[in-house]
Every structure is written in structure tokens, then in C-alpha cells.
Amino acid sequence: MFDFEKLDVYGIAQEVVVRVYKLIKENQGMDDVLVKQLKQSSTSVLLNLSEGTGRMTNKDKQYYYTIARGSVFESVAILNLLKELKQIGDEEHQLIYTGFESCSKMLLAMYRSQNPK
């Protein structure tokens, strides 16, 4: 098992990304541009978290955790827009939103742990 697979945040991020992909598959009428960007940004959370975990220096780890957290923010912005456009329901929005919120908090903690004071 790889180190990143042991992280709670990785499990949550993977669940959120799977939920995003299922949401897209089940709602074929969503805006193509938003769908493409949501796929990219949500997947980026998972991939940058994984890559950062494998880096050797604290500075490198922080860089990838920052990118992953930025991708969380981007994904949430798209998610909010899809909700406002009535392309996803409130319940599905809230489930995905909550998962991204947890990821954001955990990624921030991981970032901070690489620069102890």
C-alpha cells in the first residue's frame, strides 16, 4: 500500500471524485464546459494530493497540497454554479460540497504540518 492510500483525506477525496463522475454520468444535460472543468479540477485534487505525498521535501509537499486545495476551491465554485443553474439538486450539491470542505480542511492541516513553528 502506498503512503497516500493510508490518508483519510485521500479516501474522502476519492469518494468525492467518484460521486462527481457519477453525477455527471447521470445528468447528461449539464453544460459541457463546466462538466469538463469539474472533471479536471476534482481529479486534480486526488492526483496532486497523491503526488505531494510522494515528494521528499517539505517545500515540495506544500506545493502539491496547495495545488490540490486550489483545485478543491475551483471544484466548489463550479459545483455552486451548477446548483444556481439548476443543473444539480440541493441534496447532491450538499453531499459533494461537504466532502470537498473536509478535503480542504485536511489539506490545509497537511500544508501547515510541513512547516512547523
PDB file of N, CA and C in Angstrom:
ATOM      1  N   MET A   1       0.840  -1.176   0.000  1.00  0.00           N
ATOM      2  CA  MET A   1       0.000   0.000   0.000  1.00  0.00           C
ATOM      3  C   MET A   1       0.886   1.240   0.000  1.00  0.00           C
ATOM      4  N   PHE A   2       0.523   2.214  -0.819  1.00  0.00           N
ATOM      5  CA  PHE A   2       1.269   3.456  -0.891  1.00  0.00           C
ATOM      6  C   PHE A   2       0.862   4.376   0.261  1.00  0.00           C
ATOM      7  N   ASP A   3       1.765   5.276   0.645  1.00  0.00           N
ATOM      8  CA  ASP A   3       1.507   6.178   1.773  1.00  0.00           C
ATOM      9  C   ASP A   3       0.228   6.988   1.598  1.00  0.00           C
ATOM     10  N   PHE A   4      -0.004   7.499   0.398  1.00  0.00           N
ATOM     11  CA  PHE A   4      -1.181   8.342   0.195  1.00  0.00           C
ATOM     12  C   PHE A   4      -2.486   7.573   0.384  1.00  0.00           C
ATOM     13  N   GLU A   5      -2.455   6.269   0.134  1.00  0.00           N
ATOM     14  CA  GLU A   5      -3.660   5.451   0.291  1.00  0.00           C
ATOM     15  C   GLU A   5      -4.064   5.275   1.756  1.00  0.00           C
ATOM     16  N   LYS A   6      -3.130   5.545   2.663  1.00  0.00           N
ATOM     17  CA  LYS A   6      -3.394   5.420   4.093  1.00  0.00           C
ATOM     18  C   LYS A   6      -4.055   6.677   4.677  1.00  0.00           C
ATOM     19  N   LEU A   7      -4.073   7.754   3.919  1.00  0.00           N
ATOM     20  CA  LEU A   7      -4.580   9.038   4.417  1.00  0.00           C
ATOM     21  C   LEU A   7      -6.098   9.103   4.369  1.00  0.00           C
ATOM     22  N   ASP A   8      -6.691   9.601   5.455  1.00  0.00           N
ATOM     23  CA  ASP A   8      -8.147   9.811   5.480  1.00  0.00           C
ATOM     24  C   ASP A   8      -8.571  10.761   4.370  1.00  0.00           C
ATOM     25  N   VAL A   9      -7.784  11.803   4.146  1.00  0.00           N
ATOM     26  CA  VAL A   9      -8.145  12.790   3.126  1.00  0.00           C
ATOM     27  C   VAL A   9      -8.166  12.162   1.735  1.00  0.00           C
ATOM     28  N   TYR A  10      -7.297  11.203   1.487  1.00  0.00           N
ATOM     29  CA  TYR A  10      -7.299  10.525   0.194  1.00  0.00           C
ATOM     30  C   TYR A  10      -8.599   9.742   0.004  1.00  0.00           C
ATOM     31  N   GLY A  11      -9.026   9.043   1.043  1.00  0.00           N
ATOM     32  CA  GLY A  11     -10.281   8.289   0.965  1.00  0.00           C
ATOM     33  C   GLY A  11     -11.471   9.193   0.707  1.00  0.00           C
ATOM     34  N   ILE A  12     -11.509  10.319   1.396  1.00  0.00           N
ATOM     35  CA  ILE A  12     -12.606  11.271   1.205  1.00  0.00           C
ATOM     36  C   ILE A  12     -12.553  11.856  -0.200  1.00  0.00           C
ATOM     37  N   ALA A  13     -11.364  12.262  -0.631  1.00  0.00           N
ATOM     38  CA  ALA A  13     -11.217  12.840  -1.970  1.00  0.00           C
ATOM     39  C   ALA A  13     -11.633  11.846  -3.041  1.00  0.00           C
ATOM     40  N   GLN A  14     -11.243  10.601  -2.884  1.00  0.00           N
ATOM     41  CA  GLN A  14     -11.615   9.583  -3.868  1.00  0.00           C
ATOM     42  C   GLN A  14     -13.128   9.400  -3.913  1.00  0.00           C
ATOM     43  N   GLU A  15     -13.767   9.372  -2.749  1.00  0.00           N
ATOM     44  CA  GLU A  15     -15.227   9.254  -2.704  1.00  0.00           C
ATOM     45  C   GLU A  15     -15.903  10.431  -3.402  1.00  0.00           C
ATOM     46  N   VAL A  16     -15.380  11.625  -3.171  1.00  0.00           N
ATOM     47  CA  VAL A  16     -15.961  12.830  -3.785  1.00  0.00           C
ATOM     48  C   VAL A  16     -15.795  12.785  -5.297  1.00  0.00           C
ATOM     49  N   VAL A  17     -14.622  12.409  -5.768  1.00  0.00           N
ATOM     50  CA  VAL A  17     -14.379  12.363  -7.213  1.00  0.00           C
ATOM     51  C   VAL A  17     -15.291  11.323  -7.867  1.00  0.00           C
ATOM     52  N   VAL A  18     -15.435  10.182  -7.248  1.00  0.00           N
ATOM     53  CA  VAL A  18     -16.339   9.154  -7.780  1.00  0.00           C
ATOM     54  C   VAL A  18     -17.766   9.693  -7.826  1.00  0.00           C
ATOM     55  N   ARG A  19     -18.193  10.379  -6.775  1.00  0.00           N
ATOM     56  CA  ARG A  19     -19.540  10.961  -6.736  1.00  0.00           C
ATOM     57  C   ARG A  19     -19.715  12.006  -7.843  1.00  0.00           C
ATOM     58  N   VAL A  20     -18.683  12.810  -8.079  1.00  0.00           N
ATOM     59  CA  VAL A  20     -18.729  13.815  -9.154  1.00  0.00           C
ATOM     60  C   VAL A  20     -18.903  13.124 -10.505  1.00  0.00           C
ATOM     61  N   TYR A  21     -18.120  12.098 -10.755  1.00  0.00           N
ATOM     62  CA  TYR A  21     -18.207  11.402 -12.044  1.00  0.00           C
ATOM     63  C   TYR A  21     -19.571  10.730 -12.230  1.00  0.00           C
ATOM     64  N   LYS A  22     -20.105  10.162 -11.155  1.00  0.00           N
ATOM     65  CA  LYS A  22     -21.432   9.552 -11.241  1.00  0.00           C
ATOM     66  C   LYS A  22     -22.496  10.618 -11.489  1.00  0.00           C
ATOM     67  N   LEU A  23     -22.365  11.751 -10.828  1.00  0.00           N
ATOM     68  CA  LEU A  23     -23.301  12.860 -11.024  1.00  0.00           C
ATOM     69  C   LEU A  23     -23.303  13.304 -12.482  1.00  0.00           C
ATOM     70  N   ILE A  24     -22.138  13.444 -13.054  1.00  0.00           N
ATOM     71  CA  ILE A  24     -22.017  13.859 -14.449  1.00  0.00           C
ATOM     72  C   ILE A  24     -22.640  12.821 -15.379  1.00  0.00           C
ATOM     73  N   LYS A  25     -22.366  11.566 -15.107  1.00  0.00           N
ATOM     74  CA  LYS A  25     -22.895  10.494 -15.947  1.00  0.00           C
ATOM     75  C   LYS A  25     -24.420  10.443 -15.902  1.00  0.00           C
ATOM     76  N   GLU A  26     -24.982  10.695 -14.734  1.00  0.00           N
ATOM     77  CA  GLU A  26     -26.432  10.617 -14.549  1.00  0.00           C
ATOM     78  C   GLU A  26     -27.168  11.876 -15.013  1.00  0.00           C
ATOM     79  N   ASN A  27     -26.446  12.954 -15.257  1.00  0.00           N
ATOM     80  CA  ASN A  27     -27.057  14.230 -15.649  1.00  0.00           C
ATOM     81  C   ASN A  27     -26.442  14.713 -16.959  1.00  0.00           C
ATOM     82  N   GLN A  28     -26.807  14.070 -18.027  1.00  0.00           N
ATOM     83  CA  GLN A  28     -26.213  14.343 -19.332  1.00  0.00           C
ATOM     84  C   GLN A  28     -26.473  15.763 -19.847  1.00  0.00           C
ATOM     85  N   GLY A  29     -27.442  16.474 -19.270  1.00  0.00           N
ATOM     86  CA  GLY A  29     -27.784  17.794 -19.768  1.00  0.00           C
ATOM     87  C   GLY A  29     -26.955  18.937 -19.217  1.00  0.00           C
ATOM     88  N   MET A  30     -25.949  18.628 -18.409  1.00  0.00           N
ATOM     89  CA  MET A  30     -25.131  19.693 -17.830  1.00  0.00           C
ATOM     90  C   MET A  30     -24.259  20.350 -18.894  1.00  0.00           C
ATOM     91  N   ASP A  31     -23.926  21.601 -18.653  1.00  0.00           N
ATOM     92  CA  ASP A  31     -23.090  22.379 -19.561  1.00  0.00           C
ATOM     93  C   ASP A  31     -21.755  21.672 -19.804  1.00  0.00           C
ATOM     94  N   ASP A  32     -21.396  21.474 -21.066  1.00  0.00           N
ATOM     95  CA  ASP A  32     -20.184  20.731 -21.429  1.00  0.00           C
ATOM     96  C   ASP A  32     -18.906  21.356 -20.881  1.00  0.00           C
ATOM     97  N   VAL A  33     -18.825  22.675 -20.933  1.00  0.00           N
ATOM     98  CA  VAL A  33     -17.618  23.366 -20.458  1.00  0.00           C
ATOM     99  C   VAL A  33     -17.459  23.165 -18.951  1.00  0.00           C
ATOM    100  N   LEU A  34     -18.554  23.309 -18.221  1.00  0.00           N
ATOM    101  CA  LEU A  34     -18.497  23.127 -16.769  1.00  0.00           C
ATOM    102  C   LEU A  34     -18.189  21.681 -16.400  1.00  0.00           C
ATOM    103  N   VAL A  35     -18.766  20.743 -17.135  1.00  0.00           N
ATOM    104  CA  VAL A  35     -18.508  19.320 -16.882  1.00  0.00           C
ATOM    105  C   VAL A  35     -17.027  19.011 -17.077  1.00  0.00           C
ATOM    106  N   LYS A  36     -16.471  19.465 -18.171  1.00  0.00           N
ATOM    107  CA  LYS A  36     -15.051  19.202 -18.449  1.00  0.00           C
ATOM    108  C   LYS A  36     -14.168  19.790 -17.350  1.00  0.00           C
ATOM    109  N   GLN A  37     -14.451  21.018 -16.965  1.00  0.00           N
ATOM    110  CA  GLN A  37     -13.634  21.678 -15.954  1.00  0.00           C
ATOM    111  C   GLN A  37     -13.812  21.028 -14.577  1.00  0.00           C
ATOM    112  N   LEU A  38     -15.040  20.597 -14.256  1.00  0.00           N
ATOM    113  CA  LEU A  38     -15.284  19.921 -12.976  1.00  0.00           C
ATOM    114  C   LEU A  38     -14.554  18.582 -12.917  1.00  0.00           C
ATOM    115  N   LYS A  39     -14.547  17.859 -14.018  1.00  0.00           N
ATOM    116  CA  LYS A  39     -13.787  16.603 -14.055  1.00  0.00           C
ATOM    117  C   LYS A  39     -12.307  16.875 -13.801  1.00  0.00           C
ATOM    118  N   GLN A  40     -11.774  17.883 -14.484  1.00  0.00           N
ATOM    119  CA  GLN A  40     -10.349  18.189 -14.347  1.00  0.00           C
ATOM    120  C   GLN A  40     -10.000  18.656 -12.942  1.00  0.00           C
ATOM    121  N   SER A  41     -10.790  19.575 -12.411  1.00  0.00           N
ATOM    122  CA  SER A  41     -10.448  20.134 -11.097  1.00  0.00           C
ATOM    123  C   SER A  41     -10.632  19.111  -9.980  1.00  0.00           C
ATOM    124  N   SER A  42     -11.697  18.324 -10.034  1.00  0.00           N
ATOM    125  CA  SER A  42     -11.905  17.339  -8.964  1.00  0.00           C
ATOM    126  C   SER A  42     -10.843  16.240  -9.017  1.00  0.00           C
ATOM    127  N   THR A  43     -10.492  15.815 -10.206  1.00  0.00           N
ATOM    128  CA  THR A  43      -9.448  14.798 -10.352  1.00  0.00           C
ATOM    129  C   THR A  43      -8.097  15.357  -9.909  1.00  0.00           C
ATOM    130  N   SER A  44      -7.879  16.641 -10.149  1.00  0.00           N
ATOM    131  CA  SER A  44      -6.637  17.291  -9.736  1.00  0.00           C
ATOM    132  C   SER A  44      -6.439  17.248  -8.226  1.00  0.00           C
ATOM    133  N   VAL A  45      -7.530  17.324  -7.477  1.00  0.00           N
ATOM    134  CA  VAL A  45      -7.427  17.223  -6.015  1.00  0.00           C
ATOM    135  C   VAL A  45      -6.765  15.897  -5.656  1.00  0.00           C
ATOM    136  N   LEU A  46      -7.280  14.836  -6.187  1.00  0.00           N
ATOM    137  CA  LEU A  46      -6.802  13.489  -5.885  1.00  0.00           C
ATOM    138  C   LEU A  46      -5.363  13.279  -6.360  1.00  0.00           C
ATOM    139  N   LEU A  47      -5.072  13.712  -7.567  1.00  0.00           N
ATOM    140  CA  LEU A  47      -3.750  13.470  -8.141  1.00  0.00           C
ATOM    141  C   LEU A  47      -2.654  14.297  -7.475  1.00  0.00           C
ATOM    142  N   ASN A  48      -2.944  15.564  -7.182  1.00  0.00           N
ATOM    143  CA  ASN A  48      -1.927  16.399  -6.538  1.00  0.00           C
ATOM    144  C   ASN A  48      -1.693  15.990  -5.086  1.00  0.00           C
ATOM    145  N   LEU A  49      -2.739  15.562  -4.409  1.00  0.00           N
ATOM    146  CA  LEU A  49      -2.567  15.017  -3.058  1.00  0.00           C
ATOM    147  C   LEU A  49      -1.648  13.802  -3.108  1.00  0.00           C
ATOM    148  N   SER A  50      -1.901  12.902  -4.030  1.00  0.00           N
ATOM    149  CA  SER A  50      -1.090  11.691  -4.164  1.00  0.00           C
ATOM    150  C   SER A  50       0.354  12.023  -4.499  1.00  0.00           C
ATOM    151  N   GLU A  51       0.535  12.910  -5.466  1.00  0.00           N
ATOM    152  CA  GLU A  51       1.896  13.263  -5.865  1.00  0.00           C
ATOM    153  C   GLU A  51       2.643  13.974  -4.745  1.00  0.00           C
ATOM    154  N   GLY A  52       1.954  14.872  -4.047  1.00  0.00           N
ATOM    155  CA  GLY A  52       2.592  15.589  -2.948  1.00  0.00           C
ATOM    156  C   GLY A  52       3.051  14.669  -1.830  1.00  0.00           C
ATOM    157  N   THR A  53       2.269  13.659  -1.564  1.00  0.00           N
ATOM    158  CA  THR A  53       2.615  12.715  -0.502  1.00  0.00           C
ATOM    159  C   THR A  53       3.922  11.988  -0.822  1.00  0.00           C
ATOM    160  N   GLY A  54       4.191  11.800  -2.104  1.00  0.00           N
ATOM    161  CA  GLY A  54       5.405  11.107  -2.512  1.00  0.00           C
ATOM    162  C   GLY A  54       6.634  11.983  -2.601  1.00  0.00           C
ATOM    163  N   ARG A  55       6.483  13.269  -2.436  1.00  0.00           N
ATOM    164  CA  ARG A  55       7.637  14.176  -2.514  1.00  0.00           C
ATOM    165  C   ARG A  55       8.492  14.085  -1.261  1.00  0.00           C
ATOM    166  N   MET A  56       9.755  14.430  -1.400  1.00  0.00           N
ATOM    167  CA  MET A  56      10.706  14.216  -0.312  1.00  0.00           C
ATOM    168  C   MET A  56      10.901  15.433   0.590  1.00  0.00           C
ATOM    169  N   THR A  57      10.741  16.630   0.064  1.00  0.00           N
ATOM    170  CA  THR A  57      10.979  17.811   0.900  1.00  0.00           C
ATOM    171  C   THR A  57       9.661  18.437   1.337  1.00  0.00           C
ATOM    172  N   ASN A  58       9.708  19.119   2.456  1.00  0.00           N
ATOM    173  CA  ASN A  58       8.511  19.791   2.962  1.00  0.00           C
ATOM    174  C   ASN A  58       7.998  20.833   1.979  1.00  0.00           C
ATOM    175  N   LYS A  59       8.919  21.561   1.358  1.00  0.00           N
ATOM    176  CA  LYS A  59       8.534  22.592   0.403  1.00  0.00           C
ATOM    177  C   LYS A  59       7.804  21.978  -0.798  1.00  0.00           C
ATOM    178  N   ASP A  60       8.297  20.862  -1.297  1.00  0.00           N
ATOM    179  CA  ASP A  60       7.633  20.176  -2.415  1.00  0.00           C
ATOM    180  C   ASP A  60       6.251  19.674  -2.008  1.00  0.00           C
ATOM    181  N   LYS A  61       6.170  19.091  -0.818  1.00  0.00           N
ATOM    182  CA  LYS A  61       4.874  18.611  -0.330  1.00  0.00           C
ATOM    183  C   LYS A  61       3.883  19.770  -0.237  1.00  0.00           C
ATOM    184  N   GLN A  62       4.310  20.883   0.327  1.00  0.00           N
ATOM    185  CA  GLN A  62       3.436  22.049   0.466  1.00  0.00           C
ATOM    186  C   GLN A  62       2.933  22.531  -0.894  1.00  0.00           C
ATOM    187  N   TYR A  63       3.803  22.516  -1.873  1.00  0.00           N
ATOM    188  CA  TYR A  63       3.412  22.963  -3.212  1.00  0.00           C
ATOM    189  C   TYR A  63       2.231  22.134  -3.737  1.00  0.00           C
ATOM    190  N   TYR A  64       2.352  20.823  -3.663  1.00  0.00           N
ATOM    191  CA  TYR A  64       1.294  19.956  -4.191  1.00  0.00           C
ATOM    192  C   TYR A  64       0.023  20.017  -3.349  1.00  0.00           C
ATOM    193  N   TYR A  65       0.165  20.166  -2.043  1.00  0.00           N
ATOM    194  CA  TYR A  65      -1.027  20.310  -1.199  1.00  0.00           C
ATOM    195  C   TYR A  65      -1.748  21.623  -1.510  1.00  0.00           C
ATOM    196  N   THR A  66      -0.979  22.653  -1.827  1.00  0.00           N
ATOM    197  CA  THR A  66      -1.577  23.938  -2.211  1.00  0.00           C
ATOM    198  C   THR A  66      -2.330  23.812  -3.525  1.00  0.00           C
ATOM    199  N   ILE A  67      -1.747  23.132  -4.487  1.00  0.00           N
ATOM    200  CA  ILE A  67      -2.409  22.928  -5.774  1.00  0.00           C
ATOM    201  C   ILE A  67      -3.688  22.110  -5.573  1.00  0.00           C
ATOM    202  N   ALA A  68      -3.616  21.062  -4.771  1.00  0.00           N
ATOM    203  CA  ALA A  68      -4.794  20.233  -4.503  1.00  0.00           C
ATOM    204  C   ALA A  68      -5.899  21.059  -3.855  1.00  0.00           C
ATOM    205  N   ARG A  69      -5.536  21.905  -2.900  1.00  0.00           N
ATOM    206  CA  ARG A  69      -6.540  22.729  -2.219  1.00  0.00           C
ATOM    207  C   ARG A  69      -7.130  23.766  -3.169  1.00  0.00           C
ATOM    208  N   GLY A  70      -6.317  24.335  -4.030  1.00  0.00           N
ATOM    209  CA  GLY A  70      -6.832  25.254  -5.037  1.00  0.00           C
ATOM    210  C   GLY A  70      -7.825  24.563  -5.958  1.00  0.00           C
ATOM    211  N   SER A  71      -7.564  23.312  -6.281  1.00  0.00           N
ATOM    212  CA  SER A  71      -8.482  22.546  -7.123  1.00  0.00           C
ATOM    213  C   SER A  71      -9.790  22.254  -6.390  1.00  0.00           C
ATOM    214  N   VAL A  72      -9.724  22.104  -5.072  1.00  0.00           N
ATOM    215  CA  VAL A  72     -10.952  21.962  -4.277  1.00  0.00           C
ATOM    216  C   VAL A  72     -11.799  23.223  -4.443  1.00  0.00           C
ATOM    217  N   PHE A  73     -11.168  24.379  -4.296  1.00  0.00           N
ATOM    218  CA  PHE A  73     -11.892  25.645  -4.400  1.00  0.00           C
ATOM    219  C   PHE A  73     -12.515  25.803  -5.788  1.00  0.00           C
ATOM    220  N   GLU A  74     -11.747  25.460  -6.816  1.00  0.00           N
ATOM    221  CA  GLU A  74     -12.258  25.536  -8.182  1.00  0.00           C
ATOM    222  C   GLU A  74     -13.459  24.607  -8.365  1.00  0.00           C
ATOM    223  N   SER A  75     -13.356  23.410  -7.852  1.00  0.00           N
ATOM    224  CA  SER A  75     -14.449  22.441  -7.967  1.00  0.00           C
ATOM    225  C   SER A  75     -15.706  22.943  -7.264  1.00  0.00           C
ATOM    226  N   VAL A  76     -15.546  23.528  -6.095  1.00  0.00           N
ATOM    227  CA  VAL A  76     -16.696  24.042  -5.350  1.00  0.00           C
ATOM    228  C   VAL A  76     -17.346  25.210  -6.088  1.00  0.00           C
ATOM    229  N   ALA A  77     -16.543  26.063  -6.692  1.00  0.00           N
ATOM    230  CA  ALA A  77     -17.103  27.178  -7.462  1.00  0.00           C
ATOM    231  C   ALA A  77     -17.958  26.661  -8.623  1.00  0.00           C
ATOM    232  N   ILE A  78     -17.481  25.650  -9.302  1.00  0.00           N
ATOM    233  CA  ILE A  78     -18.241  25.044 -10.404  1.00  0.00           C
ATOM    234  C   ILE A  78     -19.498  24.376  -9.869  1.00  0.00           C
ATOM    235  N   LEU A  79     -19.352  23.653  -8.781  1.00  0.00           N
ATOM    236  CA  LEU A  79     -20.487  22.981  -8.146  1.00  0.00           C
ATOM    237  C   LEU A  79     -21.576  23.995  -7.773  1.00  0.00           C
ATOM    238  N   ASN A  80     -21.165  25.117  -7.193  1.00  0.00           N
ATOM    239  CA  ASN A  80     -22.122  26.162  -6.819  1.00  0.00           C
ATOM    240  C   ASN A  80     -22.822  26.740  -8.046  1.00  0.00           C
ATOM    241  N   LEU A  81     -22.069  26.924  -9.114  1.00  0.00           N
ATOM    242  CA  LEU A  81     -22.649  27.446 -10.347  1.00  0.00           C
ATOM    243  C   LEU A  81     -23.664  26.464 -10.927  1.00  0.00           C
ATOM    244  N   LEU A  82     -23.333  25.193 -10.932  1.00  0.00           N
ATOM    245  CA  LEU A  82     -24.268  24.175 -11.424  1.00  0.00           C
ATOM    246  C   LEU A  82     -25.557  24.156 -10.596  1.00  0.00           C
ATOM    247  N   LYS A  83     -25.421  24.370  -9.306  1.00  0.00           N
ATOM    248  CA  LYS A  83     -26.610  24.429  -8.445  1.00  0.00           C
ATOM    249  C   LYS A  83     -27.462  25.649  -8.804  1.00  0.00           C
ATOM    250  N   GLU A  84     -26.832  26.796  -8.967  1.00  0.00           N
ATOM    251  CA  GLU A  84     -27.563  28.020  -9.310  1.00  0.00           C
ATOM    252  C   GLU A  84     -28.247  27.908 -10.672  1.00  0.00           C
ATOM    253  N   LEU A  85     -27.640  27.178 -11.569  1.00  0.00           N
ATOM    254  CA  LEU A  85     -28.211  26.961 -12.901  1.00  0.00           C
ATOM    255  C   LEU A  85     -29.253  25.839 -12.895  1.00  0.00           C
ATOM    256  N   LYS A  86     -29.493  25.262 -11.716  1.00  0.00           N
ATOM    257  CA  LYS A  86     -30.477  24.180 -11.545  1.00  0.00           C
ATOM    258  C   LYS A  86     -30.102  22.938 -12.359  1.00  0.00           C
ATOM    259  N   GLN A  87     -28.797  22.725 -12.523  1.00  0.00           N
ATOM    260  CA  GLN A  87     -28.333  21.544 -13.239  1.00  0.00           C
ATOM    261  C   GLN A  87     -27.997  20.394 -12.300  1.00  0.00           C
ATOM    262  N   ILE A  88     -27.943  20.687 -10.989  1.00  0.00           N
ATOM    263  CA  ILE A  88     -27.843  19.646  -9.973  1.00  0.00           C
ATOM    264  C   ILE A  88     -28.770  20.022  -8.814  1.00  0.00           C
ATOM    265  N   GLY A  89     -29.199  19.015  -8.075  1.00  0.00           N
ATOM    266  CA  GLY A  89     -30.108  19.241  -6.961  1.00  0.00           C
ATOM    267  C   GLY A  89     -29.389  19.651  -5.688  1.00  0.00           C
ATOM    268  N   ASP A  90     -30.160  20.175  -4.754  1.00  0.00           N
ATOM    269  CA  ASP A  90     -29.608  20.645  -3.482  1.00  0.00           C
ATOM    270  C   ASP A  90     -28.944  19.522  -2.685  1.00  0.00           C
ATOM    271  N   GLU A  91     -29.567  18.353  -2.654  1.00  0.00           N
ATOM    272  CA  GLU A  91     -29.029  17.248  -1.860  1.00  0.00           C
ATOM    273  C   GLU A  91     -27.682  16.779  -2.406  1.00  0.00           C
ATOM    274  N   GLU A  92     -27.610  16.596  -3.712  1.00  0.00           N
ATOM    275  CA  GLU A  92     -26.352  16.150  -4.323  1.00  0.00           C
ATOM    276  C   GLU A  92     -25.280  17.219  -4.152  1.00  0.00           C
ATOM    277  N   HIS A  93     -25.653  18.473  -4.323  1.00  0.00           N
ATOM    278  CA  HIS A  93     -24.722  19.583  -4.117  1.00  0.00           C
ATOM    279  C   HIS A  93     -24.146  19.523  -2.707  1.00  0.00           C
ATOM    280  N   GLN A  94     -25.012  19.364  -1.722  1.00  0.00           N
ATOM    281  CA  GLN A  94     -24.566  19.374  -0.325  1.00  0.00           C
ATOM    282  C   GLN A  94     -23.638  18.208  -0.010  1.00  0.00           C
ATOM    283  N   LEU A  95     -23.924  17.031  -0.530  1.00  0.00           N
ATOM    284  CA  LEU A  95     -23.064  15.864  -0.281  1.00  0.00           C
ATOM    285  C   LEU A  95     -21.655  16.089  -0.833  1.00  0.00           C
ATOM    286  N   ILE A  96     -21.583  16.572  -2.059  1.00  0.00           N
ATOM    287  CA  ILE A  96     -20.275  16.800  -2.678  1.00  0.00           C
ATOM    288  C   ILE A  96     -19.567  17.975  -2.004  1.00  0.00           C
ATOM    289  N   TYR A  97     -20.319  19.034  -1.728  1.00  0.00           N
ATOM    290  CA  TYR A  97     -19.773  20.218  -1.072  1.00  0.00           C
ATOM    291  C   TYR A  97     -19.128  19.843   0.270  1.00  0.00           C
ATOM    292  N   THR A  98     -19.828  19.052   1.057  1.00  0.00           N
ATOM    293  CA  THR A  98     -19.330  18.645   2.366  1.00  0.00           C
ATOM    294  C   THR A  98     -18.036  17.835   2.241  1.00  0.00           C
ATOM    295  N   GLY A  99     -17.973  16.964   1.258  1.00  0.00           N
ATOM    296  CA  GLY A  99     -16.746  16.208   1.022  1.00  0.00           C
ATOM    297  C   GLY A  99     -15.578  17.097   0.649  1.00  0.00           C
ATOM    298  N   PHE A 100     -15.833  18.057  -0.234  1.00  0.00           N
ATOM    299  CA  PHE A 100     -14.767  18.996  -0.614  1.00  0.00           C
ATOM    300  C   PHE A 100     -14.342  19.861   0.576  1.00  0.00           C
ATOM    301  N   GLU A 101     -15.302  20.243   1.411  1.00  0.00           N
ATOM    302  CA  GLU A 101     -14.979  21.056   2.579  1.00  0.00           C
ATOM    303  C   GLU A 101     -14.047  20.288   3.525  1.00  0.00           C
ATOM    304  N   SER A 102     -14.335  19.017   3.737  1.00  0.00           N
ATOM    305  CA  SER A 102     -13.464  18.181   4.569  1.00  0.00           C
ATOM    306  C   SER A 102     -12.069  18.074   3.965  1.00  0.00           C
ATOM    307  N   CYS A 103     -11.996  17.873   2.664  1.00  0.00           N
ATOM    308  CA  CYS A 103     -10.699  17.793   1.985  1.00  0.00           C
ATOM    309  C   CYS A 103      -9.903  19.082   2.165  1.00  0.00           C
ATOM    310  N   SER A 104     -10.570  20.205   2.015  1.00  0.00           N
ATOM    311  CA  SER A 104      -9.904  21.493   2.141  1.00  0.00           C
ATOM    312  C   SER A 104      -9.277  21.665   3.522  1.00  0.00           C
ATOM    313  N   LYS A 105     -10.030  21.334   4.547  1.00  0.00           N
ATOM    314  CA  LYS A 105      -9.526  21.467   5.917  1.00  0.00           C
ATOM    315  C   LYS A 105      -8.342  20.540   6.169  1.00  0.00           C
ATOM    316  N   MET A 106      -8.440  19.319   5.679  1.00  0.00           N
ATOM    317  CA  MET A 106      -7.361  18.354   5.884  1.00  0.00           C
ATOM    318  C   MET A 106      -6.109  18.744   5.101  1.00  0.00           C
ATOM    319  N   LEU A 107      -6.299  19.228   3.884  1.00  0.00           N
ATOM    320  CA  LEU A 107      -5.151  19.666   3.079  1.00  0.00           C
ATOM    321  C   LEU A 107      -4.450  20.858   3.724  1.00  0.00           C
ATOM    322  N   LEU A 108      -5.211  21.769   4.292  1.00  0.00           N
ATOM    323  CA  LEU A 108      -4.612  22.907   4.988  1.00  0.00           C
ATOM    324  C   LEU A 108      -3.796  22.424   6.190  1.00  0.00           C
ATOM    325  N   ALA A 109      -4.333  21.479   6.928  1.00  0.00           N
ATOM    326  CA  ALA A 109      -3.597  20.918   8.067  1.00  0.00           C
ATOM    327  C   ALA A 109      -2.317  20.224   7.598  1.00  0.00           C
ATOM    328  N   MET A 110      -2.389  19.512   6.484  1.00  0.00           N
ATOM    329  CA  MET A 110      -1.205  18.854   5.955  1.00  0.00           C
ATOM    330  C   MET A 110      -0.163  19.880   5.514  1.00  0.00           C
ATOM    331  N   TYR A 111      -0.612  20.939   4.887  1.00  0.00           N
ATOM    332  CA  TYR A 111       0.282  22.026   4.469  1.00  0.00           C
ATOM    333  C   TYR A 111       1.002  22.596   5.707  1.00  0.00           C
ATOM    334  N   ARG A 112       0.219  22.921   6.700  1.00  0.00           N
ATOM    335  CA  ARG A 112       0.779  23.534   7.910  1.00  0.00           C
ATOM    336  C   ARG A 112       1.734  22.582   8.631  1.00  0.00           C
ATOM    337  N   SER A 113       1.484  21.300   8.572  1.00  0.00           N
ATOM    338  CA  SER A 113       2.349  20.332   9.262  1.00  0.00           C
ATOM    339  C   SER A 113       3.728  20.235   8.624  1.00  0.00           C
ATOM    340  N   GLN A 114       3.852  20.701   7.399  1.00  0.00           N
ATOM    341  CA  GLN A 114       5.145  20.660   6.708  1.00  0.00           C
ATOM    342  C   GLN A 114       6.029  21.845   7.083  1.00  0.00           C
ATOM    343  N   ASN A 115       5.480  22.785   7.842  1.00  0.00           N
ATOM    344  CA  ASN A 115       6.217  23.989   8.217  1.00  0.00           C
ATOM    345  C   ASN A 115       6.000  24.256   9.722  1.00  0.00           C
ATOM    346  N   PRO A 116       6.440  23.314  10.554  1.00  0.00           N
ATOM    347  CA  PRO A 116       6.199  23.501  11.986  1.00  0.00           C
ATOM    348  C   PRO A 116       6.944  24.715  12.525  1.00  0.00           C
ATOM    349  N   LYS A 117       6.303  25.371  13.476  1.00  0.00           N
ATOM    350  CA  LYS A 117       6.899  26.589  14.049  1.00  0.00           C
ATOM    351  C   LYS A 117       7.550  26.292  15.369  1.00  0.00           C
TER     352      LYS A 117
END
